[in-house]
Amino acid sequence: MVTDPAIRGGMIRARQRRATFTRWPGSIDKRERAIQVFGEFLRGFVQDLNHRSEEGWSILVEGKRDEMAIKGLGYGGLVVTVSAYSRRRGRAFGECSGVIVLTDLDREGATLASRFVKALSHDGLSTSLAERKRLKAASRGVFLHIENLSRFAETEGYRRGETESL
């Protein structure tokens, strides 16, 4: 064991220098690229949701912030929150042909989704969980809550359709 403080201090500084060099310089670029790819996926995802909306489908989300996030991404169809559906039951969706259940991507969201799929089918509405599964697969566990998708809506480049600013 080294007892001289000058030598010991030099060894500590050397370890610190090595620690700064062992970080991968490309790791930040890799994260930015992953965010960029997810942003591109999200654009196509919202376009698909808008196409489904034109076919008469609506979206069921958990709360108001989820609704604002979906609309902020550019979705133009009907979005109903769980509380609004619980209050108005079958009248919440009006004349829509089906409901896309888009609850959070965590375990609680999955439980809630299965419960509402059953309730919606009792009301005579078709349901779809495919979009939720697709979003979960694309997010790879990074985004668990629908409201967090509003981060993409807040970027100026997303609104213009550019990917460089993501």
C-alpha atoms as a PDB file:
ATOM      1  CA  MET A   1       0.000   0.000   0.000  1.00  0.00           C
ATOM      2  CA  VAL A   2       1.309   3.441  -0.943  1.00  0.00           C
ATOM      3  CA  THR A   3       1.611   5.745   2.060  1.00  0.00           C
ATOM      4  CA  ASP A   4       3.159   8.844   0.469  1.00  0.00           C
ATOM      5  CA  PRO A   5       0.250  11.357  -0.090  1.00  0.00           C
ATOM      6  CA  ALA A   6       1.837  12.826  -3.232  1.00  0.00           C
ATOM      7  CA  ILE A   7       2.100   9.425  -4.908  1.00  0.00           C
ATOM      8  CA  ARG A   8      -1.344   8.378  -3.682  1.00  0.00           C
ATOM      9  CA  GLY A   9      -2.844  11.647  -5.012  1.00  0.00           C
ATOM     10  CA  GLY A  10      -1.185  11.070  -8.367  1.00  0.00           C
ATOM     11  CA  MET A  11      -2.610   7.568  -8.546  1.00  0.00           C
ATOM     12  CA  ILE A  12      -6.084   8.848  -7.819  1.00  0.00           C
ATOM     13  CA  ARG A  13      -5.818  11.480 -10.535  1.00  0.00           C
ATOM     14  CA  ALA A  14      -4.554   8.847 -12.971  1.00  0.00           C
ATOM     15  CA  ARG A  15      -7.576   6.653 -12.188  1.00  0.00           C
ATOM     16  CA  GLN A  16      -9.878   9.595 -12.727  1.00  0.00           C
ATOM     17  CA  ARG A  17      -8.274  10.336 -16.106  1.00  0.00           C
ATOM     18  CA  ARG A  18      -8.675   6.704 -17.128  1.00  0.00           C
ATOM     19  CA  ALA A  19     -12.313   6.787 -16.056  1.00  0.00           C
ATOM     20  CA  THR A  20     -13.008   9.758 -18.311  1.00  0.00           C
ATOM     21  CA  PHE A  21     -11.394   8.033 -21.286  1.00  0.00           C
ATOM     22  CA  THR A  22     -13.287   4.772 -20.814  1.00  0.00           C
ATOM     23  CA  ARG A  23     -16.622   6.419 -21.571  1.00  0.00           C
ATOM     24  CA  TRP A  24     -17.664   5.722 -25.106  1.00  0.00           C
ATOM     25  CA  PRO A  25     -17.758   8.895 -27.148  1.00  0.00           C
ATOM     26  CA  GLY A  26     -20.390   7.422 -29.466  1.00  0.00           C
ATOM     27  CA  SER A  27     -22.836   6.584 -26.684  1.00  0.00           C
ATOM     28  CA  ILE A  28     -24.482  10.015 -26.815  1.00  0.00           C
ATOM     29  CA  ASP A  29     -24.850   9.761 -30.581  1.00  0.00           C
ATOM     30  CA  LYS A  30     -26.350   6.294 -30.163  1.00  0.00           C
ATOM     31  CA  ARG A  31     -28.970   7.626 -27.722  1.00  0.00           C
ATOM     32  CA  GLU A  32     -29.791  10.563 -29.985  1.00  0.00           C
ATOM     33  CA  ARG A  33     -30.146   8.177 -32.915  1.00  0.00           C
ATOM     34  CA  ALA A  34     -32.495   5.943 -30.899  1.00  0.00           C
ATOM     35  CA  ILE A  35     -34.636   8.965 -30.036  1.00  0.00           C
ATOM     36  CA  GLN A  36     -34.616  10.010 -33.677  1.00  0.00           C
ATOM     37  CA  VAL A  37     -35.718   6.546 -34.814  1.00  0.00           C
ATOM     38  CA  PHE A  38     -38.478   6.485 -32.196  1.00  0.00           C
ATOM     39  CA  GLY A  39     -39.617   9.940 -33.336  1.00  0.00           C
ATOM     40  CA  GLU A  40     -39.853   8.680 -36.912  1.00  0.00           C
ATOM     41  CA  PHE A  41     -41.826   5.662 -35.712  1.00  0.00           C
ATOM     42  CA  LEU A  42     -44.115   7.952 -33.746  1.00  0.00           C
ATOM     43  CA  ARG A  43     -44.902  10.052 -36.822  1.00  0.00           C
ATOM     44  CA  GLY A  44     -45.992   6.974 -38.745  1.00  0.00           C
ATOM     45  CA  PHE A  45     -47.868   5.678 -35.716  1.00  0.00           C
ATOM     46  CA  VAL A  46     -49.905   8.891 -35.431  1.00  0.00           C
ATOM     47  CA  GLN A  47     -50.601   8.816 -39.175  1.00  0.00           C
ATOM     48  CA  ASP A  48     -51.941   5.278 -38.784  1.00  0.00           C
ATOM     49  CA  LEU A  49     -54.099   6.412 -35.855  1.00  0.00           C
ATOM     50  CA  ASN A  50     -55.464   9.243 -37.992  1.00  0.00           C
ATOM     51  CA  HIS A  51     -56.302   6.777 -40.783  1.00  0.00           C
ATOM     52  CA  ARG A  52     -58.126   4.594 -38.274  1.00  0.00           C
ATOM     53  CA  SER A  53     -59.969   7.713 -37.072  1.00  0.00           C
ATOM     54  CA  GLU A  54     -61.168   8.356 -40.612  1.00  0.00           C
ATOM     55  CA  GLU A  55     -62.550   4.808 -40.599  1.00  0.00           C
ATOM     56  CA  GLY A  56     -64.574   5.649 -37.483  1.00  0.00           C
ATOM     57  CA  TRP A  57     -62.271   4.455 -34.687  1.00  0.00           C
ATOM     58  CA  SER A  58     -61.676   6.386 -31.455  1.00  0.00           C
ATOM     59  CA  ILE A  59     -59.008   6.158 -28.741  1.00  0.00           C
ATOM     60  CA  LEU A  60     -59.434   5.411 -25.044  1.00  0.00           C
ATOM     61  CA  VAL A  61     -56.658   6.769 -22.784  1.00  0.00           C
ATOM     62  CA  GLU A  62     -56.238   6.851 -19.017  1.00  0.00           C
ATOM     63  CA  GLY A  63     -56.245  10.561 -18.240  1.00  0.00           C
ATOM     64  CA  LYS A  64     -56.327  14.138 -19.426  1.00  0.00           C
ATOM     65  CA  ARG A  65     -52.538  14.398 -19.825  1.00  0.00           C
ATOM     66  CA  ASP A  66     -52.556  11.296 -22.017  1.00  0.00           C
ATOM     67  CA  GLU A  67     -55.275  12.894 -24.128  1.00  0.00           C
ATOM     68  CA  MET A  68     -53.266  16.109 -24.489  1.00  0.00           C
ATOM     69  CA  ALA A  69     -50.131  14.144 -25.442  1.00  0.00           C
ATOM     70  CA  ILE A  70     -51.932  12.212 -28.190  1.00  0.00           C
ATOM     71  CA  LYS A  71     -53.536  15.357 -29.575  1.00  0.00           C
ATOM     72  CA  GLY A  72     -50.217  17.197 -29.304  1.00  0.00           C
ATOM     73  CA  LEU A  73     -48.622  14.585 -31.542  1.00  0.00           C
ATOM     74  CA  GLY A  74     -51.144  15.414 -34.257  1.00  0.00           C
ATOM     75  CA  TYR A  75     -53.992  12.984 -33.726  1.00  0.00           C
ATOM     76  CA  GLY A  76     -57.226  14.593 -34.892  1.00  0.00           C
ATOM     77  CA  GLY A  77     -59.850  12.026 -33.923  1.00  0.00           C
ATOM     78  CA  LEU A  78     -61.937  11.465 -30.832  1.00  0.00           C
ATOM     79  CA  VAL A  79     -59.985  10.755 -27.633  1.00  0.00           C
ATOM     80  CA  VAL A  80     -61.948   9.667 -24.567  1.00  0.00           C
ATOM     81  CA  THR A  81     -60.493   9.388 -21.077  1.00  0.00           C
ATOM     82  CA  VAL A  82     -61.297   6.528 -18.733  1.00  0.00           C
ATOM     83  CA  SER A  83     -63.186   8.850 -16.380  1.00  0.00           C
ATOM     84  CA  ALA A  84     -65.321  10.254 -19.213  1.00  0.00           C
ATOM     85  CA  TYR A  85     -66.139   6.735 -20.367  1.00  0.00           C
ATOM     86  CA  SER A  86     -67.036   5.667 -16.830  1.00  0.00           C
ATOM     87  CA  ARG A  87     -69.415   8.610 -16.440  1.00  0.00           C
ATOM     88  CA  ARG A  88     -71.163   8.358 -19.810  1.00  0.00           C
ATOM     89  CA  ARG A  89     -70.611   4.654 -20.500  1.00  0.00           C
ATOM     90  CA  GLY A  90     -71.741   3.749 -24.041  1.00  0.00           C
ATOM     91  CA  ARG A  91     -72.562   7.325 -25.057  1.00  0.00           C
ATOM     92  CA  ALA A  92     -68.948   8.456 -24.659  1.00  0.00           C
ATOM     93  CA  PHE A  93     -67.970   7.154 -28.086  1.00  0.00           C
ATOM     94  CA  GLY A  94     -71.076   8.190 -29.977  1.00  0.00           C
ATOM     95  CA  GLU A  95     -71.291   6.532 -33.375  1.00  0.00           C
ATOM     96  CA  CYS A  96     -67.745   5.214 -33.638  1.00  0.00           C
ATOM     97  CA  SER A  97     -67.161   1.792 -35.132  1.00  0.00           C
ATOM     98  CA  GLY A  98     -64.401   0.761 -32.748  1.00  0.00           C
ATOM     99  CA  VAL A  99     -62.114   1.803 -29.922  1.00  0.00           C
ATOM    100  CA  ILE A 100     -58.325   1.688 -29.787  1.00  0.00           C
ATOM    101  CA  VAL A 101     -57.357   1.059 -26.164  1.00  0.00           C
ATOM    102  CA  LEU A 102     -54.147   3.013 -25.561  1.00  0.00           C
ATOM    103  CA  THR A 103     -53.479   2.765 -21.833  1.00  0.00           C
ATOM    104  CA  ASP A 104     -50.024   3.128 -20.281  1.00  0.00           C
ATOM    105  CA  LEU A 105     -47.459   0.502 -21.174  1.00  0.00           C
ATOM    106  CA  ASP A 106     -46.848  -0.708 -17.617  1.00  0.00           C
ATOM    107  CA  ARG A 107     -48.485  -3.581 -15.728  1.00  0.00           C
ATOM    108  CA  GLU A 108     -51.298  -1.400 -14.372  1.00  0.00           C
ATOM    109  CA  GLY A 109     -52.027  -0.162 -17.881  1.00  0.00           C
ATOM    110  CA  ALA A 110     -52.264  -3.749 -19.125  1.00  0.00           C
ATOM    111  CA  THR A 111     -54.727  -4.619 -16.358  1.00  0.00           C
ATOM    112  CA  LEU A 112     -56.772  -1.530 -17.126  1.00  0.00           C
ATOM    113  CA  ALA A 113     -56.714  -2.305 -20.854  1.00  0.00           C
ATOM    114  CA  SER A 114     -58.066  -5.822 -20.378  1.00  0.00           C
ATOM    115  CA  ARG A 115     -60.811  -4.532 -18.089  1.00  0.00           C
ATOM    116  CA  PHE A 116     -61.926  -1.924 -20.605  1.00  0.00           C
ATOM    117  CA  VAL A 117     -61.770  -4.321 -23.540  1.00  0.00           C
ATOM    118  CA  LYS A 118     -64.352  -6.441 -21.720  1.00  0.00           C
ATOM    119  CA  ALA A 119     -66.497  -3.415 -20.825  1.00  0.00           C
ATOM    120  CA  LEU A 120     -66.390  -2.026 -24.353  1.00  0.00           C
ATOM    121  CA  SER A 121     -67.324  -5.378 -25.871  1.00  0.00           C
ATOM    122  CA  HIS A 122     -70.355  -5.480 -23.531  1.00  0.00           C
ATOM    123  CA  ASP A 123     -71.328  -2.093 -24.977  1.00  0.00           C
ATOM    124  CA  GLY A 124     -71.146  -3.593 -28.471  1.00  0.00           C
ATOM    125  CA  LEU A 125     -67.955  -1.843 -29.595  1.00  0.00           C
ATOM    126  CA  SER A 126     -65.017  -3.431 -31.402  1.00  0.00           C
ATOM    127  CA  THR A 127     -61.687  -2.966 -29.634  1.00  0.00           C
ATOM    128  CA  SER A 128     -58.065  -3.043 -30.662  1.00  0.00           C
ATOM    129  CA  LEU A 129     -54.951  -3.540 -28.532  1.00  0.00           C
ATOM    130  CA  ALA A 130     -52.651  -3.886 -31.555  1.00  0.00           C
ATOM    131  CA  GLU A 131     -51.604  -0.224 -31.494  1.00  0.00           C
ATOM    132  CA  ARG A 132     -50.746  -0.433 -27.787  1.00  0.00           C
ATOM    133  CA  LYS A 133     -48.613  -3.523 -28.411  1.00  0.00           C
ATOM    134  CA  ARG A 134     -46.919  -1.847 -31.368  1.00  0.00           C
ATOM    135  CA  LEU A 135     -46.096   1.252 -29.308  1.00  0.00           C
ATOM    136  CA  LYS A 136     -44.765  -0.881 -26.454  1.00  0.00           C
ATOM    137  CA  ALA A 137     -42.492  -2.828 -28.788  1.00  0.00           C
ATOM    138  CA  ALA A 138     -41.153   0.354 -30.407  1.00  0.00           C
ATOM    139  CA  SER A 139     -40.517   2.150 -27.118  1.00  0.00           C
ATOM    140  CA  ARG A 140     -38.493  -0.799 -25.734  1.00  0.00           C
ATOM    141  CA  GLY A 141     -39.450   0.102 -22.189  1.00  0.00           C
ATOM    142  CA  VAL A 142     -38.156   3.672 -22.405  1.00  0.00           C
ATOM    143  CA  PHE A 143     -41.645   5.181 -22.403  1.00  0.00           C
ATOM    144  CA  LEU A 144     -44.121   3.544 -20.075  1.00  0.00           C
ATOM    145  CA  HIS A 145     -46.635   6.360 -19.841  1.00  0.00           C
ATOM    146  CA  ILE A 146     -48.551   7.826 -22.764  1.00  0.00           C
ATOM    147  CA  GLU A 147     -48.273  11.320 -21.281  1.00  0.00           C
ATOM    148  CA  ASN A 148     -44.468  11.146 -21.713  1.00  0.00           C
ATOM    149  CA  LEU A 149     -44.939  11.098 -25.471  1.00  0.00           C
ATOM    150  CA  SER A 150     -45.743  14.804 -25.192  1.00  0.00           C
ATOM    151  CA  ARG A 151     -41.973  15.384 -25.102  1.00  0.00           C
ATOM    152  CA  PHE A 152     -41.955  14.696 -28.812  1.00  0.00           C
ATOM    153  CA  ALA A 153     -44.864  17.063 -29.397  1.00  0.00           C
ATOM    154  CA  GLU A 154     -42.976  19.895 -27.663  1.00  0.00           C
ATOM    155  CA  THR A 155     -40.070  19.840 -30.094  1.00  0.00           C
ATOM    156  CA  GLU A 156     -40.316  22.340 -32.917  1.00  0.00           C
ATOM    157  CA  GLY A 157     -38.838  19.911 -35.437  1.00  0.00           C
ATOM    158  CA  TYR A 158     -41.507  17.347 -34.717  1.00  0.00           C
ATOM    159  CA  ARG A 159     -44.267  19.792 -35.638  1.00  0.00           C
ATOM    160  CA  ARG A 160     -42.537  20.630 -38.908  1.00  0.00           C
ATOM    161  CA  GLY A 161     -41.877  16.970 -39.670  1.00  0.00           C
ATOM    162  CA  GLU A 162     -38.098  17.190 -39.382  1.00  0.00           C
ATOM    163  CA  THR A 163     -36.054  14.532 -37.617  1.00  0.00           C
ATOM    164  CA  GLU A 164     -32.745  16.343 -37.184  1.00  0.00           C
ATOM    165  CA  SER A 165     -33.897  18.354 -34.155  1.00  0.00           C
ATOM    166  CA  LEU A 166     -35.038  15.296 -32.190  1.00  0.00           C
END
